[in-house]
Structures are given as structure tokens and as C-alpha cells.
Amino acid sequence: MATELQGRTIAFLVAPEGVEQAELTEPWTAVDKAGGRPVLVSTEAGRIQAFDHLDKADTFAVDATAADADPASFDALVLPGGVANPDHLRTRPEAVAFAKAFFDAGKPVAAICHAPWTLIEAGVARGRTLTSWPSLRTDLRNAGATWVDEEVQVCRSGPNTLVTSRRPDDLKAFCQAAVEAFRA
């Protein structure tokens, strides 16, 4: 597994504050262990503040901003969750455009928990089958998606592969499915 993603660069798009730490660090570690290069992209330069649910956790250095990063230089995208994280991202045109560019280019995307809010804002949920934190079910259905209550959902019905999961308890399956999608 150590070279599955050799030579692949994976963007992790997060807000300056509010990302669920485990939903950032566990996929990051999975990409790194598979030989990929994870890159932290945010709407602001500097450091981002992660959370363990509602409690402040660690901070992480931003590698690039969504306004300056070129989606063409990445092979795939991870959208970690946390409630505040995607709520911030969906209000920032540069973050929405960054995420949408991966769909336009047919590149794989992995989103967990509340992260599909960003997909709704980008207009890429319609016609897709995905899962999320249960409170997004109605939002996703209203956006034209089919919502399922599954540990991990891999949707290949659009121009790219979309991997989604519901919550931190699903991270093992999410990371495995994401690495497989990023390898293809």
C-alpha cells in the first residue's frame, strides 16, 4: 500500500476554523501512508484551527489558499467535515469554485460528515448518490441527490468518483475507499 498514490497530490480543503480534526488527520495520514502528497488548502493563509467536536484541538499550517491554488495541479480532493468547516466554505466563492473544478475535470472527490454542503453549493450533488451526517439528508435531496444511510458510499454516476461517509466512526472505511478512488 505504501506506493499506491506515488506521485499524486491530494488537496484537503478546509476553513480557517472548525474542521473536525479526525476527519482531517485520518484521511491525511491514509494519503501519506499510501505514498501520496497531501496539501492543506484554506480560504486564508497561516494556520487553521481544528476541533474535536466543540473543543479546540490542534492547529495546522496552510500550504495554499483556495484563491491561489490551481486545481489542475491536484489529482483529487478531500473535503473534511465538522459543522463550521463546510458552512464557512460554502459562503466563499473561491472555495466553492475550487471544489467544483475537481468535478469539472473528472477528478475524484471524498467528502465526510457535513462536507457535502460544499458540494450542494457547487451545484454538483444533483444525480449523485451519497451519504452524510443525517441532518444534511433533506438538503441533499432538495439539491437533487439520492441520500443513503451507509458507512461509505462510492458514487460513479457522474464525471468523477465521489466517496462520502457519515461521521468520524466511519473514517476507516472512508479512508480506504478514498485511497482506492484516488489510485484509479
Protein backbone atom coordinates (compact mmCIF):
# COMPACT_ATOMS: atom_id res chain seq x y z
CA MET A 1 0.00 0.00 0.00
CA ALA A 2 2.93 2.37 0.55
CA THR A 3 3.17 3.36 -3.12
CA GLU A 4 -0.46 3.24 -4.26
CA LEU A 5 -0.63 7.02 -4.63
CA GLN A 6 3.02 7.67 -5.53
CA GLY A 7 3.27 10.92 -7.48
CA ARG A 8 -0.30 12.00 -6.68
CA THR A 9 -1.06 15.27 -4.91
CA ILE A 10 -4.28 15.44 -2.91
CA ALA A 11 -5.85 18.73 -1.84
CA PHE A 12 -7.56 18.97 1.55
CA LEU A 13 -9.90 22.00 1.50
CA VAL A 14 -10.72 23.42 4.94
CA ALA A 15 -11.93 26.61 6.56
CA PRO A 16 -9.67 28.68 8.84
CA GLU A 17 -11.62 27.34 11.84
CA GLY A 18 -13.99 24.49 12.53
CA VAL A 19 -12.72 21.40 10.74
CA GLU A 20 -13.26 18.16 12.67
CA GLN A 21 -9.66 17.17 13.45
CA ALA A 22 -10.05 13.40 12.97
CA GLU A 23 -11.77 13.97 9.62
CA LEU A 24 -8.70 15.94 8.52
CA THR A 25 -5.88 13.95 10.07
CA GLU A 26 -7.01 10.36 9.42
CA PRO A 27 -7.53 10.80 5.65
CA TRP A 28 -4.32 12.88 5.55
CA THR A 29 -2.41 10.02 7.18
CA ALA A 30 -4.01 7.47 4.82
CA VAL A 31 -2.96 9.51 1.77
CA ASP A 32 0.54 9.96 3.16
CA LYS A 33 0.93 6.25 4.02
CA ALA A 34 -0.23 5.35 0.51
CA GLY A 35 2.60 7.45 -0.93
CA GLY A 36 0.54 10.49 -1.90
CA ARG A 37 1.30 14.09 -1.05
CA PRO A 38 -1.46 15.79 0.98
CA VAL A 39 -1.69 19.59 0.69
CA LEU A 40 -3.72 21.80 3.06
CA VAL A 41 -5.75 24.42 1.18
CA SER A 42 -7.82 27.03 3.00
CA THR A 43 -9.55 30.34 2.36
CA GLU A 44 -6.90 32.15 4.39
CA ALA A 45 -3.13 31.81 4.69
CA GLY A 46 -1.47 30.99 8.02
CA ARG A 47 -2.81 28.26 10.26
CA ILE A 48 -6.20 26.60 10.62
CA GLN A 49 -7.83 25.68 13.94
CA ALA A 50 -9.17 22.14 14.14
CA PHE A 51 -11.76 20.94 16.65
CA ASP A 52 -12.64 17.73 18.47
CA HIS A 53 -16.37 18.23 18.18
CA LEU A 54 -16.87 21.57 20.02
CA ASP A 55 -13.46 21.74 21.72
CA LYS A 56 -10.42 23.40 20.16
CA ALA A 57 -7.79 20.88 19.15
CA ASP A 58 -4.59 21.35 17.14
CA THR A 59 -3.65 23.95 14.56
CA PHE A 60 -2.19 23.14 11.14
CA ALA A 61 -0.16 25.17 8.66
CA VAL A 62 -1.90 26.12 5.42
CA ASP A 63 0.05 25.22 2.28
CA ALA A 64 -2.00 27.29 -0.19
CA THR A 65 -5.16 29.38 -0.37
CA ALA A 66 -8.14 28.40 -2.48
CA ALA A 67 -7.83 31.68 -4.37
CA ASP A 68 -4.20 30.96 -5.32
CA ALA A 69 -4.14 27.17 -5.66
CA ASP A 70 -4.59 25.71 -9.13
CA PRO A 71 -6.99 22.73 -9.02
CA ALA A 72 -5.24 21.39 -12.13
CA SER A 73 -2.13 20.75 -10.02
CA PHE A 74 -4.00 18.26 -7.81
CA ASP A 75 -5.12 14.71 -8.55
CA ALA A 76 -8.00 14.55 -6.06
CA LEU A 77 -9.82 16.48 -3.32
CA VAL A 78 -10.76 15.68 0.28
CA LEU A 79 -13.47 17.71 2.00
CA PRO A 80 -13.33 17.03 5.76
CA GLY A 81 -16.34 17.77 7.90
CA GLY A 82 -17.25 19.48 11.11
CA VAL A 83 -20.29 21.74 11.09
CA ALA A 84 -18.49 25.11 10.90
CA ASN A 85 -15.98 23.99 8.26
CA PRO A 86 -18.29 23.43 5.26
CA ASP A 87 -20.64 26.15 6.46
CA HIS A 88 -17.76 28.61 6.01
CA LEU A 89 -16.54 27.08 2.73
CA ARG A 90 -19.95 27.25 1.04
CA THR A 91 -20.04 31.02 1.62
CA ARG A 92 -16.65 31.62 -0.04
CA PRO A 93 -16.81 31.76 -3.86
CA GLU A 94 -13.13 30.82 -4.21
CA ALA A 95 -13.64 27.66 -2.11
CA VAL A 96 -16.80 26.66 -4.00
CA ALA A 97 -15.05 27.23 -7.34
CA PHE A 98 -12.03 25.23 -6.16
CA ALA A 99 -14.23 22.24 -5.22
CA LYS A 100 -16.31 22.47 -8.40
CA ALA A 101 -13.18 22.43 -10.56
CA PHE A 102 -12.47 18.85 -9.46
CA PHE A 103 -15.88 17.74 -10.75
CA ASP A 104 -15.46 19.70 -13.97
CA ALA A 105 -12.12 17.93 -14.53
CA GLY A 106 -13.48 14.48 -13.65
CA LYS A 107 -11.17 14.08 -10.64
CA PRO A 108 -12.12 12.03 -7.57
CA VAL A 109 -13.53 13.77 -4.50
CA ALA A 110 -14.05 12.44 -0.96
CA ALA A 111 -16.37 14.24 1.49
CA ILE A 112 -17.34 13.28 5.03
CA CYS A 113 -19.92 14.38 7.60
CA HIS A 114 -21.20 17.91 6.85
CA ALA A 115 -18.80 18.42 3.91
CA PRO A 116 -21.48 17.76 1.25
CA TRP A 117 -22.82 21.26 1.99
CA THR A 118 -19.92 22.49 -0.13
CA LEU A 119 -20.96 20.08 -2.90
CA ILE A 120 -24.51 21.42 -2.79
CA GLU A 121 -23.25 24.98 -3.13
CA ALA A 122 -21.01 23.95 -6.02
CA GLY A 123 -24.03 22.50 -7.82
CA VAL A 124 -22.52 19.02 -8.15
CA ALA A 125 -24.80 16.91 -5.94
CA ARG A 126 -27.66 16.52 -8.45
CA GLY A 127 -27.97 12.99 -9.80
CA ARG A 128 -25.42 11.58 -7.34
CA THR A 129 -25.96 9.02 -4.57
CA LEU A 130 -24.20 9.94 -1.36
CA THR A 131 -24.26 9.81 2.39
CA SER A 132 -23.52 12.44 5.03
CA TRP A 133 -24.27 13.43 8.58
CA PRO A 134 -28.02 12.66 8.84
CA SER A 135 -29.09 16.31 9.25
CA LEU A 136 -28.00 17.01 5.64
CA ARG A 137 -30.41 14.42 4.21
CA THR A 138 -33.11 16.94 3.29
CA ASP A 139 -30.58 19.47 1.96
CA LEU A 140 -29.07 16.83 -0.32
CA ARG A 141 -32.45 15.57 -1.54
CA ASN A 142 -33.51 19.16 -2.25
CA ALA A 143 -30.30 19.56 -4.28
CA GLY A 144 -31.28 16.56 -6.44
CA ALA A 145 -29.12 13.89 -4.79
CA THR A 146 -30.14 10.49 -3.52
CA TRP A 147 -29.22 10.18 0.16
CA VAL A 148 -28.40 6.80 1.75
CA ASP A 149 -27.55 5.92 5.34
CA GLU A 150 -24.36 3.93 4.74
CA GLU A 151 -20.91 3.84 6.34
CA VAL A 152 -19.37 4.77 2.99
CA GLN A 153 -20.94 5.43 -0.39
CA VAL A 154 -18.93 5.38 -3.61
CA CYS A 155 -20.80 7.06 -6.47
CA ARG A 156 -19.50 6.72 -10.02
CA SER A 157 -22.63 8.05 -11.76
CA GLY A 158 -21.13 11.42 -12.68
CA PRO A 159 -17.97 12.63 -14.36
CA ASN A 160 -15.86 11.54 -11.40
CA THR A 161 -15.84 9.21 -8.43
CA LEU A 162 -17.41 10.68 -5.29
CA VAL A 163 -16.70 8.98 -1.94
CA THR A 164 -18.83 10.03 1.04
CA SER A 165 -19.22 8.95 4.67
CA ARG A 166 -21.41 9.99 7.58
CA ARG A 167 -19.23 10.63 10.63
CA PRO A 168 -15.89 10.06 12.39
CA ASP A 169 -16.92 6.48 13.27
CA ASP A 170 -16.84 5.75 9.50
CA LEU A 171 -13.29 7.01 8.98
CA LYS A 172 -11.65 3.61 8.46
CA ALA A 173 -13.99 2.73 5.58
CA PHE A 174 -13.88 6.30 4.26
CA CYS A 175 -10.08 6.41 4.14
CA GLN A 176 -9.87 3.02 2.44
CA ALA A 177 -12.46 3.95 -0.21
CA ALA A 178 -10.85 7.38 -0.78
CA VAL A 179 -7.38 5.92 -1.33
CA GLU A 180 -8.85 3.37 -3.75
CA ALA A 181 -10.66 6.12 -5.67
CA PHE A 182 -7.56 8.32 -5.76
CA ARG A 183 -5.49 5.42 -7.09
CA ALA A 184 -7.73 4.82 -10.11
